[in-house]
Amino acid sequence: MARKASKAIPKTTTGKDKNYLPTSQGAGMTAKGRAAYNKKNGSNLQAPQPQGGPRKKSFCARMSGVPGPTSKDGKLTRKGAALKRWAC
């Protein structure tokens, strides 16, 4: 029997049910969004670790190597906002 695909968490950035932060607020998931994702998938997503530690070093190394600009037309892209939020 085929497995039924579950609905993805909606990528909303406004309203009371927002799960993602807009680029102007640093991009990434909100605490509510992480909790919903963890509950649905049995994962363990955690908040950014800008003060340092092994997760920061790993994230900055991976994300800095992703192709694409960190800003466009004077505004941060989602990549640039994430790097800024993690203090990379």
C-alpha atoms as a PDB file:
ATOM      1  CA  MET A   1       0.000   0.000   0.000  1.00  0.00           C
ATOM      2  CA  ALA A   2       1.357   3.412  -0.941  1.00  0.00           C
ATOM      3  CA  ARG A   3       2.199   5.837   1.794  1.00  0.00           C
ATOM      4  CA  LYS A   4       0.073   8.976   1.895  1.00  0.00           C
ATOM      5  CA  ALA A   5       2.121  12.174   1.734  1.00  0.00           C
ATOM      6  CA  SER A   6       1.583  14.564   4.624  1.00  0.00           C
ATOM      7  CA  LYS A   7       0.880  18.255   4.085  1.00  0.00           C
ATOM      8  CA  ALA A   8       3.869  20.526   4.420  1.00  0.00           C
ATOM      9  CA  ILE A   9       3.931  23.306   6.981  1.00  0.00           C
ATOM     10  CA  PRO A  10       2.740  26.479   5.209  1.00  0.00           C
ATOM     11  CA  LYS A  11       5.476  29.061   4.707  1.00  0.00           C
ATOM     12  CA  THR A  12       3.607  32.039   6.095  1.00  0.00           C
ATOM     13  CA  THR A  13       5.482  35.135   7.230  1.00  0.00           C
ATOM     14  CA  THR A  14       2.537  37.253   8.393  1.00  0.00           C
ATOM     15  CA  GLY A  15      -0.406  36.907  10.746  1.00  0.00           C
ATOM     16  CA  LYS A  16      -0.828  34.988  13.977  1.00  0.00           C
ATOM     17  CA  ASP A  17      -0.039  31.629  12.356  1.00  0.00           C
ATOM     18  CA  LYS A  18       3.308  32.647  10.865  1.00  0.00           C
ATOM     19  CA  ASN A  19       5.914  29.880  10.858  1.00  0.00           C
ATOM     20  CA  TYR A  20       8.724  31.776   9.153  1.00  0.00           C
ATOM     21  CA  LEU A  21      10.285  35.161   9.832  1.00  0.00           C
ATOM     22  CA  PRO A  22      10.357  37.688   7.009  1.00  0.00           C
ATOM     23  CA  THR A  23      13.766  38.635   5.662  1.00  0.00           C
ATOM     24  CA  SER A  24      13.618  41.967   7.488  1.00  0.00           C
ATOM     25  CA  GLN A  25      13.493  40.088  10.807  1.00  0.00           C
ATOM     26  CA  GLY A  26      16.301  37.666  10.019  1.00  0.00           C
ATOM     27  CA  ALA A  27      14.599  34.922   7.990  1.00  0.00           C
ATOM     28  CA  GLY A  28      14.417  31.378   9.362  1.00  0.00           C
ATOM     29  CA  MET A  29      11.631  29.657  11.279  1.00  0.00           C
ATOM     30  CA  THR A  30       9.816  31.034  14.303  1.00  0.00           C
ATOM     31  CA  ALA A  31       9.720  29.098  17.581  1.00  0.00           C
ATOM     32  CA  LYS A  32       6.134  28.129  16.754  1.00  0.00           C
ATOM     33  CA  GLY A  33       7.196  26.959  13.296  1.00  0.00           C
ATOM     34  CA  ARG A  34      10.046  24.859  14.713  1.00  0.00           C
ATOM     35  CA  ALA A  35       7.680  23.286  17.271  1.00  0.00           C
ATOM     36  CA  ALA A  36       5.140  22.433  14.552  1.00  0.00           C
ATOM     37  CA  TYR A  37       7.849  20.959  12.308  1.00  0.00           C
ATOM     38  CA  ASN A  38       9.370  18.935  15.165  1.00  0.00           C
ATOM     39  CA  LYS A  39       5.977  17.563  16.188  1.00  0.00           C
ATOM     40  CA  LYS A  40       5.015  16.646  12.637  1.00  0.00           C
ATOM     41  CA  ASN A  41       8.332  15.046  11.634  1.00  0.00           C
ATOM     42  CA  GLY A  42       9.784  13.844  14.934  1.00  0.00           C
ATOM     43  CA  SER A  43      12.742  16.162  14.367  1.00  0.00           C
ATOM     44  CA  ASN A  44      14.792  18.291  16.723  1.00  0.00           C
ATOM     45  CA  LEU A  45      15.181  21.668  14.982  1.00  0.00           C
ATOM     46  CA  GLN A  46      16.724  24.237  17.293  1.00  0.00           C
ATOM     47  CA  ALA A  47      16.929  28.024  17.356  1.00  0.00           C
ATOM     48  CA  PRO A  48      19.976  29.820  15.904  1.00  0.00           C
ATOM     49  CA  GLN A  49      23.112  29.800  18.042  1.00  0.00           C
ATOM     50  CA  PRO A  50      24.692  33.215  17.328  1.00  0.00           C
ATOM     51  CA  GLN A  51      26.730  33.285  20.545  1.00  0.00           C
ATOM     52  CA  GLY A  52      28.990  30.483  19.332  1.00  0.00           C
ATOM     53  CA  GLY A  53      29.414  26.760  19.608  1.00  0.00           C
ATOM     54  CA  PRO A  54      29.745  23.816  17.253  1.00  0.00           C
ATOM     55  CA  ARG A  55      26.350  24.342  15.575  1.00  0.00           C
ATOM     56  CA  LYS A  56      27.287  27.927  14.667  1.00  0.00           C
ATOM     57  CA  LYS A  57      30.616  26.918  13.178  1.00  0.00           C
ATOM     58  CA  SER A  58      28.975  24.165  11.132  1.00  0.00           C
ATOM     59  CA  PHE A  59      26.077  26.346   9.935  1.00  0.00           C
ATOM     60  CA  CYS A  60      28.314  29.251   8.933  1.00  0.00           C
ATOM     61  CA  ALA A  61      30.663  26.961   7.008  1.00  0.00           C
ATOM     62  CA  ARG A  62      27.772  25.315   5.117  1.00  0.00           C
ATOM     63  CA  MET A  63      25.707  28.432   4.458  1.00  0.00           C
ATOM     64  CA  SER A  64      28.639  30.616   3.414  1.00  0.00           C
ATOM     65  CA  GLY A  65      29.391  28.129   0.640  1.00  0.00           C
ATOM     66  CA  VAL A  66      25.873  28.243  -0.814  1.00  0.00           C
ATOM     67  CA  PRO A  67      25.880  29.974  -4.207  1.00  0.00           C
ATOM     68  CA  GLY A  68      23.969  33.205  -4.561  1.00  0.00           C
ATOM     69  CA  PRO A  69      24.172  36.782  -3.325  1.00  0.00           C
ATOM     70  CA  THR A  70      23.742  37.840   0.299  1.00  0.00           C
ATOM     71  CA  SER A  71      22.071  41.080  -0.764  1.00  0.00           C
ATOM     72  CA  LYS A  72      20.186  42.351  -3.776  1.00  0.00           C
ATOM     73  CA  ASP A  73      19.171  45.935  -4.521  1.00  0.00           C
ATOM     74  CA  GLY A  74      20.476  47.046  -1.125  1.00  0.00           C
ATOM     75  CA  LYS A  75      18.361  44.522   0.827  1.00  0.00           C
ATOM     76  CA  LEU A  76      19.449  41.263   2.393  1.00  0.00           C
ATOM     77  CA  THR A  77      18.386  38.054   0.696  1.00  0.00           C
ATOM     78  CA  ARG A  78      17.145  35.166   2.846  1.00  0.00           C
ATOM     79  CA  LYS A  79      20.688  33.771   2.721  1.00  0.00           C
ATOM     80  CA  GLY A  80      22.169  37.081   3.883  1.00  0.00           C
ATOM     81  CA  ALA A  81      19.551  37.458   6.610  1.00  0.00           C
ATOM     82  CA  ALA A  82      20.243  33.958   7.926  1.00  0.00           C
ATOM     83  CA  LEU A  83      23.998  34.577   8.000  1.00  0.00           C
ATOM     84  CA  LYS A  84      23.407  37.847   9.849  1.00  0.00           C
ATOM     85  CA  ARG A  85      21.056  36.201  12.355  1.00  0.00           C
ATOM     86  CA  TRP A  86      23.669  33.565  13.125  1.00  0.00           C
ATOM     87  CA  ALA A  87      26.373  36.292  13.312  1.00  0.00           C
ATOM     88  CA  CYS A  88      28.542  34.617  10.666  1.00  0.00           C
END
